[in-house]
């Protein structure tokens, strides 16, 4: 009897240590990025900076693969370069060829194993060792058989600003063409509104009911129309002008007959676009041949998977001890 209780006490005392050790062994996006940067430094290249847009894409990519989507899947008919720019990343290179960007993904048991597998061919190696890269994002998702590792690497413009033709590239996305004629896109309905370089802060109506928007850097007529739930054609009509190019500081009439806010309210509200949530991931860049729907994916983090497994083991041992104790009492 005493031995049973001593064993149970020892097990409970050791469980926090076991959990801590299990967490230490769990691969993380930061660990994966460190592995890639160590490889670059060993080859005389600069370490890559972590960028939140690339982190977000990498994690979503990893989550999708873990849930059954094919590798290099893309939401809403986007290419990888368009996906990056839609989240505000100032992509460098020839945007008509989707810019300087790439993506690797692989199932593996550790970050070292993932990097080693990518060294097996030139395209995956170039994702890590190309001199035309400045930023990185990474993601890791636990699965029943191990982990999914993803990295996104890209080169941003030297100015840190969008290229002049980025707006045309973004408005060329099939789904966003609807913004020209209709008030909402499929992306808007799914809550995945793309951003250009800067989000659009929506202005409120003045005393006469007119809503005036002052164009900020990185905004396009397309992104402004989406933010105000109107159309490009309607904005053109209100301003008696047919151009689709806007400039910083331009005053646009975007709506008439709107209700002014109560006195004391600010002249504008917060951005119509959600802020980026830094995440992590990894994968190699090629647009998917089959359009993938926008989906919401929920996956467990590696830490959650590890804690769940350790918890199940501990519970099984405790139940085994209790069962043995009960049988002994019956005897």
Protein backbone atom coordinates (compact mmCIF):
# COMPACT_ATOMS: atom_id res chain seq x y z
CA UNK A 1 0.00 0.00 0.00
CA UNK A 2 2.69 2.49 1.02
CA UNK A 3 4.69 1.62 -2.06
CA UNK A 4 1.73 2.42 -4.27
CA UNK A 5 1.23 5.85 -2.68
CA UNK A 6 4.98 6.56 -2.82
CA UNK A 7 5.00 5.70 -6.53
CA UNK A 8 1.98 7.91 -7.14
CA UNK A 9 3.57 10.81 -5.27
CA UNK A 10 6.84 10.42 -7.18
CA UNK A 11 4.95 10.40 -10.49
CA UNK A 12 3.07 13.58 -9.64
CA UNK A 13 6.28 15.28 -8.49
CA UNK A 14 8.10 14.40 -11.72
CA UNK A 15 5.25 15.33 -14.09
CA UNK A 16 6.08 19.11 -14.22
CA UNK A 17 9.69 18.23 -15.07
CA UNK A 18 8.53 15.84 -17.79
CA UNK A 19 6.23 18.51 -19.22
CA UNK A 20 9.03 21.09 -19.24
CA UNK A 21 11.39 18.69 -21.01
CA UNK A 22 8.72 17.79 -23.56
CA UNK A 23 8.17 21.47 -24.32
CA UNK A 24 11.91 22.00 -24.78
CA UNK A 25 11.94 19.24 -27.42
CA UNK A 26 8.97 20.68 -29.32
CA UNK A 27 10.07 22.46 -32.55
CA UNK A 28 9.08 26.12 -32.91
CA UNK A 29 9.00 28.64 -35.79
CA UNK A 30 11.80 30.60 -34.11
CA UNK A 31 13.96 27.49 -34.01
CA UNK A 32 13.31 26.85 -37.70
CA UNK A 33 14.25 30.43 -38.59
CA UNK A 34 17.44 30.13 -36.55
CA UNK A 35 18.37 26.97 -38.46
CA UNK A 36 17.89 28.72 -41.82
CA UNK A 37 19.82 31.81 -40.72
CA UNK A 38 22.67 29.68 -39.35
CA UNK A 39 22.88 28.01 -42.76
CA UNK A 40 22.96 31.39 -44.51
CA UNK A 41 25.68 32.75 -42.21
CA UNK A 42 27.75 29.61 -42.77
CA UNK A 43 27.53 30.31 -46.51
CA UNK A 44 28.54 33.97 -46.19
CA UNK A 45 25.02 35.37 -46.61
CA UNK A 46 23.09 37.83 -44.49
CA UNK A 47 20.63 36.56 -41.88
CA UNK A 48 17.00 37.12 -42.85
CA UNK A 49 14.72 39.42 -40.84
CA UNK A 50 11.42 38.11 -39.50
CA UNK A 51 8.45 39.81 -41.20
CA UNK A 52 4.91 39.51 -39.78
CA UNK A 53 3.24 39.16 -43.20
CA UNK A 54 5.49 36.24 -44.08
CA UNK A 55 4.95 34.71 -40.65
CA UNK A 56 1.19 34.91 -41.13
CA UNK A 57 1.30 33.34 -44.59
CA UNK A 58 3.64 30.57 -43.45
CA UNK A 59 1.45 29.60 -40.51
CA UNK A 60 -1.73 29.61 -42.56
CA UNK A 61 0.02 27.52 -45.20
CA UNK A 62 1.16 24.99 -42.60
CA UNK A 63 -2.29 24.88 -41.00
CA UNK A 64 -3.89 24.22 -44.38
CA UNK A 65 -1.48 21.42 -45.26
CA UNK A 66 -1.99 19.81 -41.85
CA UNK A 67 -5.75 19.89 -42.40
CA UNK A 68 -5.51 18.13 -45.76
CA UNK A 69 -4.96 20.85 -48.38
CA UNK A 70 -2.20 20.24 -50.96
CA UNK A 71 1.22 21.79 -50.53
CA UNK A 72 1.50 25.35 -51.84
CA UNK A 73 -2.25 25.87 -51.69
CA UNK A 74 -3.40 29.52 -52.04
CA UNK A 75 -6.54 31.33 -50.84
CA UNK A 76 -8.87 33.19 -53.18
CA UNK A 77 -6.98 32.53 -56.43
CA UNK A 78 -3.92 34.45 -55.20
CA UNK A 79 -0.37 33.76 -56.28
CA UNK A 80 2.22 33.75 -53.49
CA UNK A 81 3.46 37.22 -54.44
CA UNK A 82 -0.08 38.61 -54.47
CA UNK A 83 -0.75 37.02 -51.09
CA UNK A 84 2.32 38.76 -49.68
CA UNK A 85 1.43 42.14 -51.18
CA UNK A 86 -2.19 41.85 -50.07
CA UNK A 87 -0.89 41.75 -46.49
CA UNK A 88 1.25 44.83 -47.00
CA UNK A 89 4.60 43.27 -47.91
CA UNK A 90 6.58 45.57 -50.29
CA UNK A 91 7.73 42.84 -52.66
CA UNK A 92 10.73 43.47 -54.90
CA UNK A 93 11.47 42.02 -58.33
CA UNK A 94 9.37 41.73 -61.48
CA UNK A 95 5.84 41.64 -60.11
CA UNK A 96 4.47 40.36 -63.43
CA UNK A 97 6.54 37.24 -62.64
CA UNK A 98 5.37 37.32 -58.99
CA UNK A 99 8.52 38.95 -57.59
CA UNK A 100 11.41 37.60 -55.53
CA UNK A 101 9.72 35.14 -53.19
CA UNK A 102 9.62 31.42 -52.50
CA UNK A 103 8.21 28.85 -50.12
CA UNK A 104 9.31 25.47 -48.74
CA UNK A 105 7.29 22.92 -46.81
CA UNK A 106 7.97 19.41 -45.56
CA UNK A 107 6.83 16.89 -42.96
CA UNK A 108 9.64 16.22 -40.48
CA UNK A 109 10.42 15.50 -36.83
CA UNK A 110 12.69 18.50 -36.15
CA UNK A 111 13.79 21.82 -37.60
CA UNK A 112 17.21 20.35 -38.44
CA UNK A 113 15.56 17.49 -40.35
CA UNK A 114 13.38 19.96 -42.27
CA UNK A 115 16.33 22.11 -43.35
CA UNK A 116 18.33 19.01 -44.28
CA UNK A 117 15.51 17.73 -46.49
CA UNK A 118 15.32 21.09 -48.30
CA UNK A 119 19.03 20.87 -49.11
CA UNK A 120 18.24 17.87 -51.29
CA UNK A 121 17.47 19.89 -54.42
CA UNK A 122 18.27 23.28 -55.93
CA UNK A 123 14.84 25.00 -55.80
CA UNK A 124 14.36 24.29 -52.08
CA UNK A 125 17.98 25.21 -51.34
CA UNK A 126 17.56 28.53 -53.20
CA UNK A 127 14.60 29.39 -50.97
CA UNK A 128 17.02 29.37 -48.04
CA UNK A 129 20.28 30.49 -49.68
CA UNK A 130 19.29 32.92 -52.43
CA UNK A 131 21.15 36.24 -52.11
CA UNK A 132 17.95 37.93 -53.32
CA UNK A 133 16.16 37.56 -50.00
CA UNK A 134 15.80 39.93 -47.04
CA UNK A 135 12.93 38.52 -44.95
CA UNK A 136 11.59 35.24 -43.65
CA UNK A 137 8.51 33.78 -42.01
CA UNK A 138 8.11 30.29 -40.57
CA UNK A 139 5.39 28.04 -39.26
CA UNK A 140 5.19 24.70 -37.46
CA UNK A 141 2.08 22.58 -36.95
CA UNK A 142 1.92 19.32 -35.00
CA UNK A 143 0.29 16.31 -36.69
CA UNK A 144 -0.28 12.72 -35.61
CA UNK A 145 2.92 11.64 -37.35
CA UNK A 146 5.18 14.56 -36.45
CA UNK A 147 5.19 18.16 -37.66
CA UNK A 148 4.62 20.23 -40.79
CA UNK A 149 7.38 22.81 -41.33
CA UNK A 150 6.99 25.82 -43.66
CA UNK A 151 9.17 28.80 -44.54
CA UNK A 152 8.45 31.85 -46.68
CA UNK A 153 11.37 33.98 -47.91
CA UNK A 154 11.19 37.18 -49.96
CA UNK A 155 13.08 40.32 -50.94
CA UNK A 156 11.49 43.64 -50.12
CA UNK A 157 12.10 46.91 -51.97
CA UNK A 158 15.03 49.04 -50.82
CA UNK A 159 12.63 51.87 -49.95
CA UNK A 160 10.34 49.58 -47.97
CA UNK A 161 7.45 50.85 -50.10
CA UNK A 162 5.24 49.15 -52.66
CA UNK A 163 6.34 49.21 -56.28
CA UNK A 164 4.39 51.55 -58.55
CA UNK A 165 2.71 48.67 -60.41
CA UNK A 166 1.68 46.79 -57.25
CA UNK A 167 -1.83 48.23 -57.44
CA UNK A 168 -2.32 46.92 -60.97
CA UNK A 169 -1.05 43.48 -59.92
CA UNK A 170 -3.44 43.36 -56.98
CA UNK A 171 -6.45 44.63 -58.89
CA UNK A 172 -5.75 41.94 -61.48
CA UNK A 173 -6.70 39.24 -58.97
CA UNK A 174 -9.89 37.67 -60.41
CA UNK A 175 -11.88 37.96 -57.18
CA UNK A 176 -11.03 41.64 -56.70
CA UNK A 177 -12.29 42.49 -60.18
CA UNK A 178 -15.71 42.38 -58.54
CA UNK A 179 -14.79 45.51 -56.60
CA UNK A 180 -15.11 47.46 -59.85
CA UNK A 181 -18.75 46.58 -60.40
CA UNK A 182 -20.01 45.22 -57.06
CA UNK A 183 -19.82 46.42 -53.49
CA UNK A 184 -18.21 43.34 -51.96
CA UNK A 185 -15.89 40.56 -52.95
CA UNK A 186 -15.85 36.93 -51.95
CA UNK A 187 -12.81 37.79 -49.84
CA UNK A 188 -14.84 40.43 -48.01
CA UNK A 189 -17.66 37.99 -47.34
CA UNK A 190 -15.18 35.51 -45.90
CA UNK A 191 -13.54 38.11 -43.68
CA UNK A 192 -10.22 37.94 -45.55
CA UNK A 193 -10.07 41.43 -47.03
CA UNK A 194 -6.72 41.99 -48.70
CA UNK A 195 -4.69 45.06 -47.75
CA UNK A 196 -2.42 47.03 -50.06
CA UNK A 197 0.42 48.77 -48.24
CA UNK A 198 -1.52 50.68 -45.62
CA UNK A 199 -4.99 49.94 -44.27
CA UNK A 200 -7.79 52.38 -45.04
CA UNK A 201 -9.09 54.39 -42.07
CA UNK A 202 -12.74 55.07 -42.86
CA UNK A 203 -13.84 58.71 -42.51
CA UNK A 204 -17.26 59.66 -41.17
CA UNK A 205 -19.74 62.03 -42.79
CA UNK A 206 -19.45 65.79 -42.38
CA UNK A 207 -22.38 67.99 -41.35
CA UNK A 208 -23.70 67.96 -44.93
CA UNK A 209 -23.68 64.18 -45.14
CA UNK A 210 -20.67 63.94 -47.46
CA UNK A 211 -17.96 61.40 -46.70
CA UNK A 212 -14.55 62.68 -47.83
CA UNK A 213 -11.54 60.38 -47.86
CA UNK A 214 -7.97 61.70 -48.00
CA UNK A 215 -5.76 59.22 -49.85
CA UNK A 216 -2.75 57.95 -47.89
CA UNK A 217 0.39 56.28 -49.19
CA UNK A 218 -0.18 52.71 -50.34
CA UNK A 219 -3.93 53.04 -50.83
CA UNK A 220 -5.66 52.37 -54.14
CA UNK A 221 -9.06 53.20 -55.53
CA UNK A 222 -9.80 49.49 -55.19
CA UNK A 223 -8.90 49.30 -51.48
CA UNK A 224 -10.81 52.52 -50.76
CA UNK A 225 -13.94 51.20 -52.52
CA UNK A 226 -13.77 47.97 -50.52
CA UNK A 227 -13.28 49.81 -47.21
CA UNK A 228 -16.32 52.07 -47.75
CA UNK A 229 -18.48 49.21 -49.09
CA UNK A 230 -18.97 51.04 -52.37
CA UNK A 231 -17.64 50.60 -55.91
CA UNK A 232 -14.90 52.13 -58.01
CA UNK A 233 -17.52 53.23 -60.54
CA UNK A 234 -19.53 55.02 -57.85
CA UNK A 235 -16.48 56.90 -56.55
CA UNK A 236 -15.62 57.90 -60.14
CA UNK A 237 -19.19 59.12 -60.70
CA UNK A 238 -19.26 61.18 -57.49
CA UNK A 239 -15.97 62.85 -58.40
CA UNK A 240 -16.83 63.27 -62.10
CA UNK A 241 -13.63 61.60 -63.17
CA UNK A 242 -12.70 58.34 -64.88
CA UNK A 243 -9.09 57.83 -63.78
CA UNK A 244 -8.29 54.82 -61.57
CA UNK A 245 -5.00 56.27 -60.29
CA UNK A 246 -5.04 58.12 -56.98
CA UNK A 247 -2.30 60.14 -55.31
CA UNK A 248 -1.32 60.88 -51.72
CA UNK A 249 -3.33 63.76 -50.26
CA UNK A 250 -6.11 63.54 -52.85
CA UNK A 251 -9.57 64.35 -51.46
CA UNK A 252 -12.17 61.89 -52.71
CA UNK A 253 -15.92 62.14 -52.24
CA UNK A 254 -16.86 58.53 -51.55
CA UNK A 255 -20.44 58.88 -50.32
CA UNK A 256 -23.30 61.39 -50.16
CA UNK A 257 -26.28 61.56 -47.82
CA UNK A 258 -24.59 59.68 -44.99
CA UNK A 259 -25.53 60.25 -41.35
CA UNK A 260 -22.99 62.45 -39.52
CA UNK A 261 -21.70 61.07 -36.20
CA UNK A 262 -22.99 62.53 -32.91
CA UNK A 263 -21.18 65.64 -31.70
CA UNK A 264 -17.96 64.84 -29.90
CA UNK A 265 -17.23 61.73 -31.97
CA UNK A 266 -13.89 61.61 -33.83
CA UNK A 267 -13.84 62.36 -37.55
CA UNK A 268 -12.73 58.86 -38.44
CA UNK A 269 -12.81 55.38 -37.05
CA UNK A 270 -10.17 52.68 -36.85
CA UNK A 271 -9.00 50.80 -39.92
CA UNK A 272 -11.51 48.79 -41.87
CA UNK A 273 -8.89 46.09 -42.25
CA UNK A 274 -7.76 43.77 -39.46
CA UNK A 275 -4.20 44.23 -38.26
CA UNK A 276 -1.69 41.51 -39.03
CA UNK A 277 -1.37 38.83 -36.40
CA UNK A 278 2.25 37.58 -36.49
CA UNK A 279 2.31 33.80 -36.78
CA UNK A 280 4.70 31.28 -38.14
CA UNK A 281 5.04 28.74 -40.97
CA UNK A 282 7.02 27.38 -43.94
CA UNK A 283 6.66 26.17 -47.69
CA UNK A 284 7.97 26.64 -51.50
CA UNK A 285 6.38 29.18 -53.88
CA UNK A 286 4.23 28.16 -56.80
CA UNK A 287 0.65 29.25 -57.44
CA UNK A 288 -1.77 26.37 -56.98
CA UNK A 289 -3.32 25.12 -60.21
CA UNK A 290 -6.71 24.55 -58.61
CA UNK A 291 -8.38 27.52 -56.87
CA UNK A 292 -8.74 26.86 -53.19
CA UNK A 293 -11.65 28.24 -51.17
CA UNK A 294 -11.09 30.56 -48.27
CA UNK A 295 -11.42 28.40 -45.19
CA UNK A 296 -11.04 28.69 -41.46
CA UNK A 297 -8.66 26.11 -40.05
CA UNK A 298 -8.12 25.22 -36.42
CA UNK A 299 -5.09 23.17 -35.49
CA UNK A 300 -3.34 22.42 -32.25
CA UNK A 301 0.04 23.96 -31.62
CA UNK A 302 3.03 21.63 -31.07
CA UNK A 303 3.01 22.57 -27.40
CA UNK A 304 -0.68 21.67 -27.07
CA UNK A 305 -0.12 18.32 -28.78
CA UNK A 306 2.81 17.55 -26.50
CA UNK A 307 0.94 18.52 -23.34
CA UNK A 308 -2.05 16.43 -24.41
CA UNK A 309 0.13 13.36 -25.00
CA UNK A 310 1.95 13.70 -21.68
CA UNK A 311 -1.36 14.27 -19.89
CA UNK A 312 -2.83 11.10 -21.40
CA UNK A 313 0.20 9.05 -20.35
CA UNK A 314 0.08 10.37 -16.77
CA UNK A 315 -3.67 9.74 -16.55
CA UNK A 316 -3.21 6.17 -17.80
CA UNK A 317 -0.51 5.46 -15.19
CA UNK A 318 -2.62 6.93 -12.37
CA UNK A 319 -5.64 4.87 -13.45
CA UNK A 320 -3.46 1.76 -13.61
CA UNK A 321 -2.22 2.32 -10.06
CA UNK A 322 -5.76 2.91 -8.78
CA UNK A 323 -6.97 -0.25 -10.50
CA UNK A 324 -4.14 -2.29 -8.97
CA UNK A 325 -4.91 -0.83 -5.55
CA UNK A 326 -8.61 -1.72 -5.89
CA UNK A 327 -7.81 -5.32 -6.87
CA UNK A 328 -5.44 -5.68 -3.96
CA UNK A 329 -8.15 -4.55 -1.53
CA UNK A 330 -10.55 -7.11 -2.99
CA UNK A 331 -8.02 -9.86 -2.40
